[in-house]
Every structure is written in C-alpha cells, then in structure tokens.
Amino acid sequence: MTPSNLEILAYEDTPLGPLCLRRRELLSSPGRVVTEVTLNHEFLMSSHITVSERALATTALDLCPGQNLSVLIGGLGLGYTAAAALECGRVASVEVVEFLPQVIEWLEDGLFPMAGRLSADERFHLVPGDVYARLLAAPDERFDVILIDVDHAPDDKLTDENASFYVEDGLKRARRHLASEGVLGVWSYAESSPFSEALRSVFDDVSVERVTYFNDVIDDEITDWLFFAR
C-alpha cells in the first residue's frame, strides 16, 4: 500500500470514460483491504459489500426450477454475481458477457479477489460483447436464468444505447432468450416504476426486491433494488 492507503492496479481509457481498478485499506476498518472500480471518475463497485450482487443470482436461481441450469450474465463487475451462481449445485454453466476488454484482462491477470475462483471453475465462460445487443438479436440458444448488472439503474444508464433494453419491445426481445420457465433478473441502485410497468407488460410474474444493508464506509444504510420476471 502507498502512504495514502491507495494502490492503483489499472487505469485505462474506455469508450465509457476512464476506468480505474484500485485497492485500498479502509480507514473505518484498519487492516481490511478492499478492491474498488471507478468509471469516468465515479464510484462503480467495491468488494467491501456484495450482498445485493450475490442476491441477484441466488434469488433468481431460487425462482427457477430444474437441474443443469444455464445462466447468462451481462456484466462481470468484480465477479460476485457469477461466483454466487456457481455456488448453486443446480447450475451447469455460467456465461458472462463483458463489454469492456480491460475488465476481461483484469480477470486473466488475477487482479480482483474473485478472479482465481472464477477462472478455476470449468462451468464459467467469459466472452467479450454487448449483452444488450445480444438480447435484442434473435437467440441462438436459450438460458434458464439471465442476469443483468451493467447500468446504475434503468433510469440511470451508462450509455443511452442501453435504453432499448428497458422498454416493452426490448424486454419482449430479451424474453426470447429465456427457457420456458426461465427467470430474468436486473440489478439497480434505485427503484424504477417505468421499468416495473414494462416488465409487467411482458412477463407473467414480476417481483421487485429490496436489499438493505449498512455501509460503514459512508456510515449510512443503503437499499439496492432487484427486479425479477418470469
């Protein structure tokens, strides 16, 4: 660690702005080191608290019956959603679509905590691409579970091009990629009534789950939102 308790692991320009992977010791918990990601100089994610990222996978899998399940995840992040999916013994494969090649390199170089665990699991597959473009196109296979954790929220997207997924037509196209009893899950830091309404216009069963936790770094209670449809 540097004297400032901050170590920059990677810093690169991307089409979405400067992308930074950093590691630091928490001032609120001396001795505890966390890995964080910022995009365009804004905080994006951390290894400190990952309860909602994990819940995105575990809740969706609880809603999905059967064995030998196939899971498609949009956005690798720091790998906690994928790792939670792989912890389920009913899961046969997890394919993650990642838009930024730099994030793929982070995994290959073992730069974040989940990298080794994911790389060692033969069920895990990481592919470059735009998950939204893939879901809007005709399917070449169907998945039991599709999980999306790319944007901050349906109403706060990383890029305007992602907007086509969150409306009725985009969800109808995405639904074609689901198996007959498949589940779609979407992570968000905020509730979105327009997205909830769009989901209900396309899917038979829609639920919105709150995940509330205390974040000691900012000394405040936080609520993330998970949207599920089947």
Protein backbone atom coordinates (compact mmCIF):
# COMPACT_ATOMS: atom_id res chain seq x y z
CA MET A 1 0.00 0.00 0.00
CA THR A 2 1.04 3.58 -0.62
CA PRO A 3 1.19 6.04 2.27
CA SER A 4 -2.32 7.13 1.28
CA ASN A 5 -3.56 3.51 1.62
CA LEU A 6 -4.46 3.53 -2.08
CA GLU A 7 -2.92 1.36 -4.80
CA ILE A 8 -3.90 1.81 -8.44
CA LEU A 9 -3.99 -1.63 -10.07
CA ALA A 10 -5.13 -0.48 -13.52
CA TYR A 11 -6.13 2.80 -15.12
CA GLU A 12 -7.21 2.94 -18.77
CA ASP A 13 -9.37 4.95 -21.12
CA THR A 14 -12.52 3.27 -22.44
CA PRO A 15 -15.46 4.34 -24.66
CA LEU A 16 -17.37 4.93 -21.41
CA GLY A 17 -14.65 7.09 -19.84
CA PRO A 18 -11.56 6.44 -17.68
CA LEU A 19 -11.73 3.06 -15.94
CA CYS A 20 -9.83 2.54 -12.70
CA LEU A 21 -9.26 -0.58 -10.61
CA ARG A 22 -7.84 0.26 -7.22
CA ARG A 23 -7.13 -1.36 -3.88
CA ARG A 24 -7.14 0.40 -0.51
CA GLU A 25 -7.25 -0.16 3.21
CA LEU A 26 -10.49 1.03 4.78
CA LEU A 27 -9.97 3.84 7.26
CA SER A 28 -13.14 2.68 9.03
CA SER A 29 -11.71 -0.87 9.39
CA PRO A 30 -7.91 -0.78 9.73
CA GLY A 31 -6.32 -3.88 8.25
CA ARG A 32 -9.20 -4.58 5.88
CA VAL A 33 -8.26 -4.15 2.21
CA VAL A 34 -10.93 -3.78 -0.47
CA THR A 35 -10.90 -3.64 -4.26
CA GLU A 36 -12.89 -0.89 -5.98
CA VAL A 37 -13.80 0.19 -9.50
CA THR A 38 -14.48 3.70 -10.72
CA LEU A 39 -15.73 4.65 -14.17
CA ASN A 40 -15.48 8.17 -15.55
CA HIS A 41 -14.22 9.21 -12.09
CA GLU A 42 -17.42 7.97 -10.41
CA PHE A 43 -17.57 5.11 -7.91
CA LEU A 44 -18.95 1.97 -9.56
CA MET A 45 -18.46 -1.05 -7.29
CA SER A 46 -16.50 -2.49 -4.40
CA SER A 47 -15.55 -5.83 -2.88
CA HIS A 48 -16.44 -4.40 0.55
CA ILE A 49 -20.19 -5.17 0.48
CA THR A 50 -21.51 -7.50 -2.20
CA VAL A 51 -24.81 -8.66 -0.71
CA SER A 52 -27.05 -7.33 -3.49
CA GLU A 53 -24.82 -8.58 -6.31
CA ARG A 54 -24.93 -12.07 -4.79
CA ALA A 55 -28.67 -11.85 -4.10
CA LEU A 56 -29.28 -11.11 -7.79
CA ALA A 57 -28.05 -14.62 -8.58
CA THR A 58 -29.31 -16.54 -5.55
CA THR A 59 -32.86 -15.14 -5.69
CA ALA A 60 -33.19 -15.73 -9.43
CA LEU A 61 -31.99 -19.31 -9.02
CA ASP A 62 -34.46 -19.88 -6.18
CA LEU A 63 -37.22 -18.81 -8.58
CA CYS A 64 -36.04 -21.15 -11.34
CA PRO A 65 -36.88 -24.87 -11.11
CA GLY A 66 -34.90 -27.76 -12.51
CA GLN A 67 -31.35 -29.06 -12.75
CA ASN A 68 -28.41 -28.43 -15.11
CA LEU A 69 -29.34 -24.77 -15.32
CA SER A 70 -27.69 -22.42 -17.78
CA VAL A 71 -27.03 -18.84 -16.66
CA LEU A 72 -26.23 -15.79 -18.79
CA ILE A 73 -24.87 -12.72 -17.01
CA GLY A 74 -24.49 -9.27 -18.52
CA GLY A 75 -21.54 -7.54 -16.87
CA LEU A 76 -18.68 -9.22 -14.98
CA GLY A 77 -18.05 -6.46 -12.46
CA LEU A 78 -15.87 -7.90 -9.72
CA GLY A 79 -17.36 -11.34 -10.28
CA TYR A 80 -19.59 -11.73 -7.23
CA THR A 81 -22.81 -12.40 -9.15
CA ALA A 82 -21.11 -15.06 -11.25
CA ALA A 83 -19.49 -16.61 -8.17
CA ALA A 84 -22.85 -16.78 -6.37
CA ALA A 85 -24.40 -18.51 -9.39
CA LEU A 86 -21.59 -21.06 -9.48
CA GLU A 87 -22.13 -21.85 -5.81
CA CYS A 88 -25.51 -23.35 -6.74
CA GLY A 89 -25.16 -27.08 -7.37
CA ARG A 90 -28.00 -26.99 -9.92
CA VAL A 91 -26.02 -24.70 -12.25
CA ALA A 92 -24.30 -26.40 -15.18
CA SER A 93 -22.88 -23.31 -16.91
CA VAL A 94 -22.39 -19.59 -16.36
CA GLU A 95 -21.62 -17.41 -19.37
CA VAL A 96 -20.69 -13.79 -18.71
CA VAL A 97 -20.81 -11.18 -21.46
CA GLU A 98 -18.45 -8.27 -20.73
CA PHE A 99 -18.38 -5.09 -22.82
CA LEU A 100 -15.01 -3.73 -21.67
CA PRO A 101 -11.91 -5.71 -22.73
CA GLN A 102 -10.00 -4.14 -19.85
CA VAL A 103 -12.24 -5.94 -17.35
CA ILE A 104 -11.61 -9.23 -19.13
CA GLU A 105 -7.87 -8.59 -18.81
CA TRP A 106 -8.28 -7.95 -15.08
CA LEU A 107 -9.73 -11.43 -14.70
CA GLU A 108 -6.98 -13.01 -16.80
CA ASP A 109 -4.34 -11.20 -14.73
CA GLY A 110 -5.96 -12.16 -11.43
CA LEU A 111 -6.31 -8.57 -10.28
CA PHE A 112 -9.51 -8.85 -8.22
CA PRO A 113 -10.48 -11.22 -5.40
CA MET A 114 -12.88 -13.50 -7.32
CA ALA A 115 -10.61 -13.91 -10.35
CA GLY A 116 -8.91 -17.12 -9.27
CA ARG A 117 -12.11 -18.82 -8.15
CA LEU A 118 -13.92 -17.99 -11.40
CA SER A 119 -11.04 -18.99 -13.67
CA ALA A 120 -10.70 -22.34 -11.90
CA ASP A 121 -14.36 -23.31 -12.45
CA GLU A 122 -14.88 -25.19 -15.71
CA ARG A 123 -18.52 -24.10 -15.78
CA PHE A 124 -17.51 -20.42 -16.09
CA HIS A 125 -17.13 -18.80 -19.52
CA LEU A 126 -16.30 -15.14 -20.14
CA VAL A 127 -16.92 -13.68 -23.59
CA PRO A 128 -16.49 -10.15 -24.96
CA GLY A 129 -19.54 -8.39 -26.27
CA ASP A 130 -22.56 -6.17 -25.67
CA VAL A 131 -25.18 -8.13 -23.73
CA TYR A 132 -27.94 -5.72 -24.75
CA ALA A 133 -27.18 -6.16 -28.44
CA ARG A 134 -27.16 -9.90 -27.92
CA LEU A 135 -30.56 -9.89 -26.20
CA LEU A 136 -32.10 -7.69 -28.88
CA ALA A 137 -30.94 -10.09 -31.61
CA ALA A 138 -32.58 -13.42 -32.41
CA PRO A 139 -31.49 -16.13 -29.95
CA ASP A 140 -29.17 -18.96 -30.94
CA GLU A 141 -29.72 -20.63 -27.55
CA ARG A 142 -31.97 -20.20 -24.52
CA PHE A 143 -30.99 -19.76 -20.89
CA ASP A 144 -32.71 -20.71 -17.67
CA VAL A 145 -31.55 -17.53 -15.94
CA ILE A 146 -30.47 -14.19 -17.40
CA LEU A 147 -28.96 -11.62 -15.02
CA ILE A 148 -28.18 -8.01 -15.90
CA ASP A 149 -25.86 -5.84 -13.80
CA VAL A 150 -24.48 -3.27 -16.21
CA ASP A 151 -26.10 0.11 -15.60
CA HIS A 152 -26.50 2.03 -12.36
CA ALA A 153 -30.28 1.76 -12.75
CA PRO A 154 -32.91 1.51 -15.51
CA ASP A 155 -33.24 5.29 -15.29
CA ASP A 156 -29.50 5.92 -14.90
CA LYS A 157 -27.72 4.13 -17.73
CA LEU A 158 -24.02 4.13 -18.55
CA THR A 159 -24.89 4.99 -22.15
CA ASP A 160 -28.07 5.98 -23.97
CA GLU A 161 -27.67 2.98 -26.29
CA ASN A 162 -28.69 0.73 -23.40
CA ALA A 163 -32.15 2.30 -23.17
CA SER A 164 -33.69 -0.05 -25.74
CA PHE A 165 -33.48 -2.97 -23.29
CA TYR A 166 -35.59 -1.37 -20.55
CA VAL A 167 -38.77 -0.80 -22.58
CA GLU A 168 -41.53 -3.20 -23.60
CA ASP A 169 -40.15 -4.01 -27.04
CA GLY A 170 -36.65 -4.65 -25.73
CA LEU A 171 -37.96 -6.92 -22.99
CA LYS A 172 -40.03 -8.89 -25.49
CA ARG A 173 -36.88 -9.49 -27.48
CA ALA A 174 -34.93 -10.45 -24.38
CA ARG A 175 -37.66 -12.88 -23.31
CA ARG A 176 -36.97 -14.96 -26.43
CA HIS A 177 -33.60 -15.87 -24.92
CA LEU A 178 -35.22 -17.46 -21.86
CA ALA A 179 -36.22 -21.09 -21.50
CA SER A 180 -39.91 -21.81 -20.84
CA GLU A 181 -39.62 -21.42 -17.06
CA GLY A 182 -36.70 -19.02 -17.22
CA VAL A 183 -36.06 -16.04 -14.96
CA LEU A 184 -34.77 -12.57 -15.80
CA GLY A 185 -33.06 -10.58 -13.03
CA VAL A 186 -31.87 -6.96 -13.17
CA TRP A 187 -29.78 -5.10 -10.56
CA SER A 188 -30.37 -1.42 -9.78
CA TYR A 189 -29.40 1.09 -7.12
CA ALA A 190 -32.85 2.70 -7.38
CA GLU A 191 -36.48 1.72 -7.87
CA SER A 192 -37.98 2.36 -11.31
CA SER A 193 -41.75 2.38 -11.81
CA PRO A 194 -41.49 2.69 -15.63
CA PHE A 195 -39.25 -0.39 -15.79
CA SER A 196 -41.54 -2.32 -13.43
CA GLU A 197 -44.51 -1.48 -15.65
CA ALA A 198 -42.61 -2.55 -18.77
CA LEU A 199 -41.74 -5.87 -17.12
CA ARG A 200 -45.36 -6.49 -16.15
CA SER A 201 -46.50 -5.83 -19.69
CA VAL A 202 -44.21 -8.62 -20.98
CA PHE A 203 -43.90 -11.24 -18.20
CA ASP A 204 -46.49 -13.18 -16.22
CA ASP A 205 -44.79 -12.95 -12.83
CA VAL A 206 -42.81 -9.87 -11.73
CA SER A 207 -41.36 -9.08 -8.32
CA VAL A 208 -39.22 -6.22 -7.04
CA GLU A 209 -36.96 -7.00 -4.07
CA ARG A 210 -35.22 -4.55 -1.76
CA VAL A 211 -31.78 -5.39 -0.42
CA THR A 212 -30.96 -3.11 2.51
CA TYR A 213 -27.63 -3.07 4.33
CA PHE A 214 -25.48 -0.78 6.44
CA ASN A 215 -22.40 0.62 4.73
CA ASP A 216 -19.85 1.51 7.41
CA VAL A 217 -17.64 3.33 4.88
CA ILE A 218 -20.23 6.10 4.49
CA ASP A 219 -21.94 5.39 7.85
CA ASP A 220 -25.35 5.04 6.25
CA GLU A 221 -27.99 2.47 5.35
CA ILE A 222 -28.26 1.66 1.64
CA THR A 223 -31.01 -0.03 -0.36
CA ASP A 224 -30.42 -1.66 -3.74
CA TRP A 225 -33.27 -2.94 -5.92
CA LEU A 226 -33.57 -6.24 -7.74
CA PHE A 227 -36.15 -6.80 -10.47
CA PHE A 228 -37.21 -10.37 -11.29
CA ALA A 229 -39.52 -11.59 -14.05
CA ARG A 230 -40.58 -14.98 -15.31
